[in-house]
Amino acid sequence: MKLNKSQISNLFFLVFIVVILFTPLGTTVKVWVNRVIAFSPSVVDVDDRIVLTDYDWKLQKANTGTLLNFENTKGNVVLVNLWATWCPPCIAEMPSMQALYEDYGDKVSFLFVTNDKEASVAKFMTENGYSFPVYFERSQTPVELYSRSIPATYLIDKKGNIVIEKTGAADWNSDAVRKQLDLLLLQK
């Protein structure tokens, strides 16, 4: 049986789809595509910003087990990232998050929150050389920060206003994000 060009191209396309969907190589390709299409997140218009009202959120720091009450972040600039080790868009944005954390980690409260198993998180962090702080939820996420999809990232100003709200991969190490962080850090 001899295949024509159309059948051969359809077969290659089918094999490509199977590889993308069902193999580890597919995850690598998905991560790469997400990095290529990730843009700087947009700032929410001042009139459209949501104000956090619920700070009753308990988190446990990976590695140390230290408990954090979200209430303790009041008055700080906070970046909350909801993510998972198995999520290609989450993985795609992590290098930009790490770069941002390296430059702003002592000025901004970074909270990388996951529901993954602790062993999976430790392996992921070690394999990728990430040092940002990871937390596990020990109580329900505040309604203003709840998302049905990940990654979901929120940049919160000192007064509790959500200045950036982004679902999906983004370039968090962009000049626009850095400029916004610098402005928020100057606010009283």
Foldseek 3Di string as FASTA:
>chain_A
DDDDPVVVVVVVVVVVVCCLPPHPVVLVVLLVVQLVPAAAFDWDPPVPWDFFDDQQWWKAWAPPRDIDRSVVCAQAWEKEWEDDPSDSQRVNQVVLVQVVCVVCVVRYHYEYEYQDDSVSVVVSCVVVVGDHIYIYTPDDDRPVQDDPAPGWMFTAANRRIGGTTDHTHHRCNDPVNVVVVVVRSPDD
